Structures are given as structure tokens and as C-alpha cells.
Amino acid sequence: MKIQLISPDRSDVKAMIQQADALMLALYPPESNHLDDLSKLTKKNVCFVGAFVDDLLAGIGAVKILDDDGDYGEIKRVYVDEQYRGQKIAQSLMAYLEDHLVNNNVFIARLETGDKQIEAIGLYEKLGYEVRGPYGNYKEDPLSVFMEKRLA
């Protein structure tokens, strides 16, 4: 498996984002989905990466460097295609994104996920993320789980 910087404009990435969006829209009402579209994912403050297995896109992830609630990075769009789950791809994506933050002198990573994504929440907890309240422009939402990790 190889992780590398990629453009979210690629056709395989767009297809994976559509898969992720379909899942989120099936699980949560629109007002509880906080999905960044391509226009937000191509900004200069975003690091967007893909995980490749045998040159096929297996997963994606992004982090946005923000300063609207202190300096932090917001993890976005971590998604692994079903056929590649269970291979530690999400862990590798998260490690890459966290390293990107540290290399840019950002030492807090935050994320928002849904309360029905038990596997994702378990992964984030295993990686050292702790539940916290809303941050940045988020509002309290009973379907959202907000998490944070201090990076070394």
C-alpha cells in the first residue's frame, strides 16, 4: 500500500467521494452531514491524499489547516472502499495526515463523525482521539461526535 498526495478532481476520487456521500446521506439527515465538496477540498490549506493498493485507489483522506478556533487541523473525508477495509488503510491515512500537521507546526487534530459510525469512532479512540464539544463553526448536534487529539 502506498499513500500519496493526489488531486480530489481525479475521476476515481470523485467516484469514491460519491460512495462516501451516499453512505452518509443514508445514515444522517442533510443538516447533520458536514461534507466538504470539491471546491473546499482543492483549497491551499488542504492536504488531500489517496491510499493505493496495486495502483488502485483504496481510500482517501484530507486535512484542512484552520485557525478559526485556535490553530488546528480538521480531518475530513477519510473513507476506505469496502473491499479494502480491515487492512489498516484508514490508520495509515490518519498517520499521514497527522504527520502533515506536525510538519506544518500544527499540533491539534480535530474531527467530526457521526454517532452511527461505531467502527470509525473506535479507530479514532484507538489512535488517541478524545470526545470533545463542537469546535470552529460547528453547532451542537446529537448525531455528531466531535473528537480531538494533541499531536507530539
N, C-alpha and C. Protein backbone atom coordinates (compact mmCIF):
# COMPACT_ATOMS: atom_id res chain seq x y z
N MET A 1 0.84 -1.18 0.00
CA MET A 1 0.00 0.00 0.00
C MET A 1 0.88 1.24 0.00
N LYS A 2 0.45 2.23 -0.76
CA LYS A 2 1.20 3.48 -0.88
C LYS A 2 0.23 4.63 -0.68
N ILE A 3 0.65 5.62 0.11
CA ILE A 3 -0.15 6.83 0.30
C ILE A 3 0.59 7.98 -0.34
N GLN A 4 -0.16 8.80 -1.09
CA GLN A 4 0.46 9.93 -1.76
C GLN A 4 -0.54 11.08 -1.92
N LEU A 5 0.01 12.27 -2.07
CA LEU A 5 -0.81 13.44 -2.36
C LEU A 5 -1.46 13.25 -3.72
N ILE A 6 -2.75 13.56 -3.81
CA ILE A 6 -3.46 13.48 -5.08
C ILE A 6 -4.45 14.64 -5.17
N SER A 7 -4.96 14.85 -6.36
CA SER A 7 -5.98 15.87 -6.56
C SER A 7 -7.36 15.26 -6.34
N PRO A 8 -8.23 15.97 -5.62
CA PRO A 8 -9.59 15.47 -5.46
C PRO A 8 -10.40 15.54 -6.76
N ASP A 9 -9.83 16.14 -7.80
CA ASP A 9 -10.52 16.25 -9.09
C ASP A 9 -10.42 14.99 -9.94
N ARG A 10 -9.63 14.01 -9.52
CA ARG A 10 -9.48 12.77 -10.29
C ARG A 10 -10.81 12.04 -10.36
N SER A 11 -11.05 11.35 -11.45
CA SER A 11 -12.33 10.63 -11.61
C SER A 11 -12.50 9.52 -10.58
N ASP A 12 -11.42 8.81 -10.22
CA ASP A 12 -11.56 7.74 -9.22
C ASP A 12 -11.84 8.32 -7.84
N VAL A 13 -11.29 9.49 -7.56
CA VAL A 13 -11.56 10.15 -6.28
C VAL A 13 -13.01 10.62 -6.24
N LYS A 14 -13.45 11.23 -7.32
CA LYS A 14 -14.85 11.69 -7.37
C LYS A 14 -15.82 10.53 -7.15
N ALA A 15 -15.52 9.38 -7.74
CA ALA A 15 -16.38 8.21 -7.56
C ALA A 15 -16.37 7.75 -6.10
N MET A 16 -15.21 7.79 -5.45
CA MET A 16 -15.13 7.39 -4.05
C MET A 16 -15.87 8.38 -3.15
N ILE A 17 -15.76 9.65 -3.46
CA ILE A 17 -16.49 10.67 -2.69
C ILE A 17 -17.99 10.46 -2.85
N GLN A 18 -18.43 10.10 -4.04
CA GLN A 18 -19.86 9.81 -4.24
C GLN A 18 -20.31 8.62 -3.41
N GLN A 19 -19.46 7.60 -3.31
CA GLN A 19 -19.77 6.43 -2.46
C GLN A 19 -19.92 6.87 -1.00
N ALA A 20 -18.97 7.65 -0.56
CA ALA A 20 -18.99 8.12 0.83
C ALA A 20 -20.21 8.99 1.10
N ASP A 21 -20.53 9.88 0.16
CA ASP A 21 -21.70 10.75 0.32
C ASP A 21 -22.98 9.93 0.38
N ALA A 22 -23.10 8.93 -0.46
CA ALA A 22 -24.29 8.09 -0.47
C ALA A 22 -24.47 7.40 0.88
N LEU A 23 -23.37 6.92 1.44
CA LEU A 23 -23.44 6.27 2.76
C LEU A 23 -23.89 7.27 3.82
N MET A 24 -23.27 8.46 3.83
CA MET A 24 -23.61 9.46 4.84
C MET A 24 -25.06 9.93 4.71
N LEU A 25 -25.52 10.10 3.48
CA LEU A 25 -26.90 10.54 3.26
C LEU A 25 -27.92 9.46 3.63
N ALA A 26 -27.48 8.20 3.58
CA ALA A 26 -28.36 7.11 4.01
C ALA A 26 -28.43 7.02 5.54
N LEU A 27 -27.38 7.47 6.21
CA LEU A 27 -27.32 7.36 7.67
C LEU A 27 -27.86 8.58 8.41
N TYR A 28 -27.71 9.77 7.81
CA TYR A 28 -28.00 11.00 8.53
C TYR A 28 -28.81 11.97 7.68
N PRO A 29 -29.62 12.82 8.34
CA PRO A 29 -30.35 13.85 7.58
C PRO A 29 -29.36 14.90 7.05
N PRO A 30 -29.74 15.61 6.00
CA PRO A 30 -28.82 16.60 5.39
C PRO A 30 -28.21 17.59 6.38
N GLU A 31 -29.00 18.06 7.35
CA GLU A 31 -28.48 19.06 8.29
C GLU A 31 -27.42 18.49 9.23
N SER A 32 -27.29 17.17 9.30
CA SER A 32 -26.27 16.55 10.14
C SER A 32 -25.09 16.03 9.32
N ASN A 33 -25.09 16.28 8.03
CA ASN A 33 -23.95 15.91 7.18
C ASN A 33 -23.09 17.14 6.96
N HIS A 34 -21.83 17.01 7.29
CA HIS A 34 -20.88 18.12 7.16
C HIS A 34 -19.81 17.72 6.14
N LEU A 35 -20.25 17.54 4.91
CA LEU A 35 -19.40 17.01 3.84
C LEU A 35 -18.77 18.15 3.05
N ASP A 36 -17.46 18.16 2.97
CA ASP A 36 -16.78 19.16 2.14
C ASP A 36 -16.84 18.73 0.69
N ASP A 37 -17.24 19.67 -0.18
CA ASP A 37 -17.28 19.38 -1.62
C ASP A 37 -15.92 19.66 -2.25
N LEU A 38 -15.82 19.40 -3.55
CA LEU A 38 -14.54 19.55 -4.24
C LEU A 38 -13.98 20.96 -4.16
N SER A 39 -14.84 21.97 -4.17
CA SER A 39 -14.34 23.34 -4.10
C SER A 39 -13.60 23.60 -2.79
N LYS A 40 -14.04 22.98 -1.71
CA LYS A 40 -13.36 23.14 -0.42
C LYS A 40 -12.12 22.26 -0.32
N LEU A 41 -12.14 21.12 -0.99
CA LEU A 41 -11.02 20.17 -0.89
C LEU A 41 -9.83 20.56 -1.75
N THR A 42 -10.00 21.53 -2.64
CA THR A 42 -8.89 21.94 -3.52
C THR A 42 -8.24 23.25 -3.05
N LYS A 43 -8.61 23.74 -1.89
CA LYS A 43 -8.02 24.98 -1.38
C LYS A 43 -6.60 24.74 -0.91
N LYS A 44 -5.84 25.83 -0.79
CA LYS A 44 -4.42 25.74 -0.44
C LYS A 44 -4.17 25.21 0.96
N ASN A 45 -5.14 25.36 1.86
CA ASN A 45 -4.94 24.89 3.23
C ASN A 45 -5.29 23.41 3.42
N VAL A 46 -5.55 22.70 2.31
CA VAL A 46 -5.98 21.30 2.38
C VAL A 46 -4.91 20.37 1.83
N CYS A 47 -4.64 19.31 2.58
CA CYS A 47 -3.79 18.22 2.11
C CYS A 47 -4.73 17.05 1.82
N PHE A 48 -4.80 16.63 0.56
CA PHE A 48 -5.69 15.54 0.15
C PHE A 48 -4.82 14.38 -0.33
N VAL A 49 -5.07 13.19 0.22
CA VAL A 49 -4.24 12.03 -0.10
C VAL A 49 -5.09 10.83 -0.50
N GLY A 50 -4.44 9.95 -1.22
CA GLY A 50 -5.06 8.69 -1.60
C GLY A 50 -4.19 7.54 -1.15
N ALA A 51 -4.83 6.43 -0.81
CA ALA A 51 -4.12 5.19 -0.50
C ALA A 51 -4.33 4.25 -1.68
N PHE A 52 -3.23 3.70 -2.17
CA PHE A 52 -3.28 2.85 -3.36
C PHE A 52 -2.79 1.45 -3.03
N VAL A 53 -3.54 0.47 -3.53
CA VAL A 53 -3.15 -0.93 -3.44
C VAL A 53 -3.08 -1.43 -4.88
N ASP A 54 -1.90 -1.89 -5.28
CA ASP A 54 -1.69 -2.34 -6.66
C ASP A 54 -2.16 -1.27 -7.67
N ASP A 55 -1.80 -0.02 -7.39
CA ASP A 55 -2.12 1.13 -8.24
C ASP A 55 -3.61 1.45 -8.35
N LEU A 56 -4.45 0.84 -7.51
CA LEU A 56 -5.88 1.15 -7.48
C LEU A 56 -6.18 1.96 -6.22
N LEU A 57 -7.02 2.98 -6.37
CA LEU A 57 -7.39 3.81 -5.23
C LEU A 57 -8.22 2.98 -4.24
N ALA A 58 -7.70 2.86 -3.03
CA ALA A 58 -8.37 2.07 -2.00
C ALA A 58 -9.01 2.94 -0.92
N GLY A 59 -8.49 4.16 -0.76
CA GLY A 59 -9.02 5.05 0.27
C GLY A 59 -8.55 6.46 0.06
N ILE A 60 -9.23 7.37 0.75
CA ILE A 60 -8.90 8.79 0.65
C ILE A 60 -8.95 9.42 2.03
N GLY A 61 -8.37 10.58 2.14
CA GLY A 61 -8.43 11.36 3.37
C GLY A 61 -7.89 12.75 3.12
N ALA A 62 -8.31 13.67 3.96
CA ALA A 62 -7.85 15.06 3.83
C ALA A 62 -7.73 15.68 5.21
N VAL A 63 -6.94 16.73 5.28
CA VAL A 63 -6.87 17.55 6.48
C VAL A 63 -6.80 19.00 6.06
N LYS A 64 -7.60 19.82 6.73
CA LYS A 64 -7.63 21.26 6.49
C LYS A 64 -6.95 21.95 7.67
N ILE A 65 -5.99 22.81 7.39
CA ILE A 65 -5.36 23.60 8.44
C ILE A 65 -6.21 24.86 8.62
N LEU A 66 -6.68 25.04 9.87
CA LEU A 66 -7.60 26.14 10.17
C LEU A 66 -7.12 26.92 11.39
N ASP A 67 -7.64 28.14 11.51
CA ASP A 67 -7.30 28.97 12.68
C ASP A 67 -8.53 29.71 13.23
N ASP A 68 -9.72 29.15 12.99
CA ASP A 68 -10.94 29.81 13.44
C ASP A 68 -11.31 29.49 14.88
N ASP A 69 -10.54 28.61 15.53
CA ASP A 69 -10.78 28.21 16.91
C ASP A 69 -9.43 27.75 17.48
N GLY A 70 -8.44 28.65 17.39
CA GLY A 70 -7.07 28.26 17.64
C GLY A 70 -6.52 27.60 16.39
N ASP A 71 -5.24 27.28 16.38
CA ASP A 71 -4.64 26.59 15.23
C ASP A 71 -4.86 25.09 15.37
N TYR A 72 -5.43 24.48 14.33
CA TYR A 72 -5.68 23.05 14.36
C TYR A 72 -5.85 22.54 12.93
N GLY A 73 -5.83 21.23 12.81
CA GLY A 73 -6.14 20.60 11.54
C GLY A 73 -7.43 19.81 11.69
N GLU A 74 -8.31 19.96 10.71
CA GLU A 74 -9.55 19.20 10.74
C GLU A 74 -9.46 18.05 9.74
N ILE A 75 -9.55 16.84 10.24
CA ILE A 75 -9.53 15.64 9.41
C ILE A 75 -10.88 15.54 8.70
N LYS A 76 -10.85 15.34 7.39
CA LYS A 76 -12.07 15.26 6.58
C LYS A 76 -11.94 14.10 5.60
N ARG A 77 -13.08 13.58 5.20
CA ARG A 77 -13.19 12.67 4.05
C ARG A 77 -12.37 11.39 4.15
N VAL A 78 -12.11 10.90 5.37
CA VAL A 78 -11.42 9.61 5.49
C VAL A 78 -12.44 8.53 5.12
N TYR A 79 -12.11 7.81 4.06
CA TYR A 79 -13.02 6.79 3.56
C TYR A 79 -12.20 5.71 2.88
N VAL A 80 -12.51 4.46 3.18
CA VAL A 80 -11.85 3.32 2.57
C VAL A 80 -12.91 2.49 1.87
N ASP A 81 -12.64 2.14 0.62
CA ASP A 81 -13.56 1.30 -0.16
C ASP A 81 -13.78 -0.02 0.58
N GLU A 82 -15.02 -0.50 0.53
CA GLU A 82 -15.40 -1.72 1.27
C GLU A 82 -14.45 -2.89 1.06
N GLN A 83 -14.01 -3.11 -0.18
CA GLN A 83 -13.18 -4.29 -0.45
C GLN A 83 -11.79 -4.21 0.18
N TYR A 84 -11.40 -3.01 0.66
CA TYR A 84 -10.07 -2.84 1.25
C TYR A 84 -10.12 -2.65 2.77
N ARG A 85 -11.29 -2.70 3.35
CA ARG A 85 -11.39 -2.48 4.79
C ARG A 85 -10.76 -3.65 5.55
N GLY A 86 -10.28 -3.33 6.74
CA GLY A 86 -9.63 -4.35 7.56
C GLY A 86 -8.15 -4.52 7.26
N GLN A 87 -7.59 -3.65 6.42
CA GLN A 87 -6.18 -3.75 6.04
C GLN A 87 -5.34 -2.60 6.61
N LYS A 88 -5.88 -1.89 7.61
CA LYS A 88 -5.21 -0.78 8.29
C LYS A 88 -4.95 0.42 7.38
N ILE A 89 -5.73 0.54 6.32
CA ILE A 89 -5.57 1.66 5.40
C ILE A 89 -6.00 2.96 6.07
N ALA A 90 -7.12 2.94 6.79
CA ALA A 90 -7.57 4.16 7.47
C ALA A 90 -6.53 4.62 8.49
N GLN A 91 -5.91 3.69 9.21
CA GLN A 91 -4.86 4.04 10.17
C GLN A 91 -3.69 4.71 9.45
N SER A 92 -3.31 4.17 8.31
CA SER A 92 -2.20 4.74 7.55
C SER A 92 -2.54 6.13 7.02
N LEU A 93 -3.77 6.30 6.55
CA LEU A 93 -4.20 7.63 6.09
C LEU A 93 -4.14 8.63 7.25
N MET A 94 -4.66 8.23 8.40
CA MET A 94 -4.64 9.12 9.56
C MET A 94 -3.22 9.49 9.96
N ALA A 95 -2.31 8.52 9.96
CA ALA A 95 -0.91 8.79 10.32
C ALA A 95 -0.30 9.79 9.35
N TYR A 96 -0.57 9.63 8.07
CA TYR A 96 -0.04 10.56 7.06
C TYR A 96 -0.57 11.97 7.31
N LEU A 97 -1.87 12.07 7.55
CA LEU A 97 -2.48 13.39 7.76
C LEU A 97 -1.97 14.05 9.04
N GLU A 98 -1.80 13.26 10.10
CA GLU A 98 -1.26 13.80 11.34
C GLU A 98 0.18 14.25 11.15
N ASP A 99 0.99 13.48 10.42
CA ASP A 99 2.37 13.87 10.13
C ASP A 99 2.39 15.18 9.34
N HIS A 100 1.47 15.34 8.41
CA HIS A 100 1.39 16.59 7.64
C HIS A 100 1.16 17.77 8.58
N LEU A 101 0.28 17.60 9.55
CA LEU A 101 0.02 18.68 10.51
C LEU A 101 1.27 19.02 11.30
N VAL A 102 1.92 18.01 11.87
CA VAL A 102 3.12 18.25 12.67
C VAL A 102 4.19 18.92 11.82
N ASN A 103 4.37 18.48 10.58
CA ASN A 103 5.37 19.08 9.69
C ASN A 103 5.04 20.53 9.35
N ASN A 104 3.79 20.94 9.58
CA ASN A 104 3.36 22.32 9.36
C ASN A 104 3.13 23.05 10.68
N ASN A 105 3.73 22.52 11.74
CA ASN A 105 3.67 23.14 13.08
C ASN A 105 2.25 23.30 13.60
N VAL A 106 1.41 22.35 13.30
CA VAL A 106 0.05 22.30 13.84
C VAL A 106 -0.01 21.06 14.72
N PHE A 107 -0.38 21.26 15.98
CA PHE A 107 -0.26 20.17 16.95
C PHE A 107 -1.59 19.73 17.57
N ILE A 108 -2.69 20.13 16.93
CA ILE A 108 -4.00 19.66 17.36
C ILE A 108 -4.75 19.17 16.12
N ALA A 109 -5.26 17.95 16.19
CA ALA A 109 -6.10 17.40 15.11
C ALA A 109 -7.50 17.24 15.67
N ARG A 110 -8.48 17.67 14.88
CA ARG A 110 -9.88 17.54 15.29
C ARG A 110 -10.67 16.88 14.16
N LEU A 111 -11.82 16.33 14.53
CA LEU A 111 -12.69 15.75 13.51
C LEU A 111 -14.11 15.69 14.03
N GLU A 112 -15.02 15.56 13.09
CA GLU A 112 -16.44 15.35 13.39
C GLU A 112 -16.84 14.10 12.64
N THR A 113 -17.51 13.20 13.33
CA THR A 113 -18.03 12.00 12.70
C THR A 113 -19.44 11.76 13.22
N GLY A 114 -20.11 10.80 12.65
CA GLY A 114 -21.48 10.53 13.05
C GLY A 114 -21.57 9.47 14.14
N ASP A 115 -22.60 9.57 14.95
CA ASP A 115 -22.76 8.65 16.07
C ASP A 115 -23.02 7.21 15.65
N LYS A 116 -23.43 7.00 14.39
CA LYS A 116 -23.69 5.64 13.91
C LYS A 116 -22.44 4.98 13.33
N GLN A 117 -21.35 5.70 13.24
CA GLN A 117 -20.11 5.17 12.67
C GLN A 117 -19.23 4.59 13.77
N ILE A 118 -19.71 3.52 14.35
CA ILE A 118 -19.07 2.90 15.51
C ILE A 118 -17.63 2.47 15.20
N GLU A 119 -17.41 1.90 14.01
CA GLU A 119 -16.05 1.45 13.66
C GLU A 119 -15.10 2.64 13.57
N ALA A 120 -15.55 3.72 12.97
CA ALA A 120 -14.71 4.92 12.83
C ALA A 120 -14.40 5.49 14.21
N ILE A 121 -15.40 5.60 15.06
CA ILE A 121 -15.19 6.13 16.41
C ILE A 121 -14.19 5.25 17.16
N GLY A 122 -14.32 3.94 17.03
CA GLY A 122 -13.38 3.01 17.67
C GLY A 122 -11.96 3.21 17.17
N LEU A 123 -11.81 3.40 15.86
CA LEU A 123 -10.49 3.65 15.30
C LEU A 123 -9.90 4.94 15.86
N TYR A 124 -10.69 6.00 15.85
CA TYR A 124 -10.18 7.29 16.34
C TYR A 124 -9.79 7.20 17.81
N GLU A 125 -10.59 6.50 18.61
CA GLU A 125 -10.23 6.33 20.02
C GLU A 125 -8.93 5.54 20.15
N LYS A 126 -8.79 4.50 19.36
CA LYS A 126 -7.56 3.69 19.37
C LYS A 126 -6.34 4.54 19.00
N LEU A 127 -6.55 5.53 18.13
CA LEU A 127 -5.45 6.40 17.70
C LEU A 127 -5.20 7.55 18.68
N GLY A 128 -5.98 7.62 19.75
CA GLY A 128 -5.74 8.64 20.77
C GLY A 128 -6.66 9.84 20.74
N TYR A 129 -7.69 9.81 19.92
CA TYR A 129 -8.64 10.91 19.87
C TYR A 129 -9.61 10.80 21.04
N GLU A 130 -9.97 11.96 21.59
CA GLU A 130 -10.90 12.01 22.71
C GLU A 130 -12.11 12.85 22.32
N VAL A 131 -13.27 12.47 22.85
CA VAL A 131 -14.50 13.19 22.58
C VAL A 131 -14.42 14.58 23.21
N ARG A 132 -14.92 15.56 22.50
CA ARG A 132 -14.95 16.95 22.96
C ARG A 132 -16.22 17.59 22.43
N GLY A 133 -16.43 18.84 22.72
CA GLY A 133 -17.59 19.57 22.21
C GLY A 133 -17.32 20.10 20.81
N PRO A 134 -18.33 20.76 20.24
CA PRO A 134 -18.17 21.35 18.90
C PRO A 134 -17.01 22.36 18.87
N TYR A 135 -16.44 22.52 17.71
CA TYR A 135 -15.33 23.46 17.51
C TYR A 135 -15.59 24.24 16.23
N GLY A 136 -14.79 25.29 16.03
CA GLY A 136 -14.92 26.07 14.80
C GLY A 136 -16.34 26.57 14.61
N ASN A 137 -16.89 26.32 13.43
CA ASN A 137 -18.24 26.77 13.09
C ASN A 137 -19.32 25.72 13.35
N TYR A 138 -18.96 24.59 13.95
CA TYR A 138 -19.94 23.55 14.23
C TYR A 138 -20.85 23.97 15.38
N LYS A 139 -22.06 23.47 15.33
CA LYS A 139 -23.04 23.64 16.41
C LYS A 139 -23.28 22.27 17.03
N GLU A 140 -23.79 22.27 18.24
CA GLU A 140 -24.14 21.01 18.91
C GLU A 140 -25.14 20.25 18.04
N ASP A 141 -24.89 18.95 17.85
CA ASP A 141 -25.77 18.10 17.05
C ASP A 141 -25.78 16.73 17.71
N PRO A 142 -26.95 16.22 18.09
CA PRO A 142 -26.99 14.93 18.78
C PRO A 142 -26.49 13.77 17.93
N LEU A 143 -26.39 13.95 16.62
CA LEU A 143 -25.91 12.89 15.74
C LEU A 143 -24.41 12.99 15.47
N SER A 144 -23.77 14.07 15.94
CA SER A 144 -22.34 14.28 15.71
C SER A 144 -21.52 13.89 16.93
N VAL A 145 -20.33 13.37 16.65
CA VAL A 145 -19.33 13.11 17.67
C VAL A 145 -18.11 13.93 17.28
N PHE A 146 -17.72 14.85 18.15
CA PHE A 146 -16.56 15.70 17.91
C PHE A 146 -15.39 15.14 18.71
N MET A 147 -14.22 15.07 18.06
CA MET A 147 -13.06 14.45 18.71
C MET A 147 -11.81 15.30 18.46
N GLU A 148 -10.82 15.11 19.33
CA GLU A 148 -9.58 15.88 19.25
C GLU A 148 -8.42 15.02 19.73
N LYS A 149 -7.26 15.31 19.13
CA LYS A 149 -6.01 14.64 19.56
C LYS A 149 -4.90 15.67 19.56
N ARG A 150 -4.11 15.69 20.62
CA ARG A 150 -2.91 16.52 20.69
C ARG A 150 -1.78 15.72 20.05
N LEU A 151 -1.10 16.34 19.10
CA LEU A 151 -0.02 15.67 18.37
C LEU A 151 1.32 16.04 18.97
N ALA A 152 2.26 15.09 18.97
CA ALA A 152 3.60 15.32 19.53
C ALA A 152 4.48 16.01 18.51
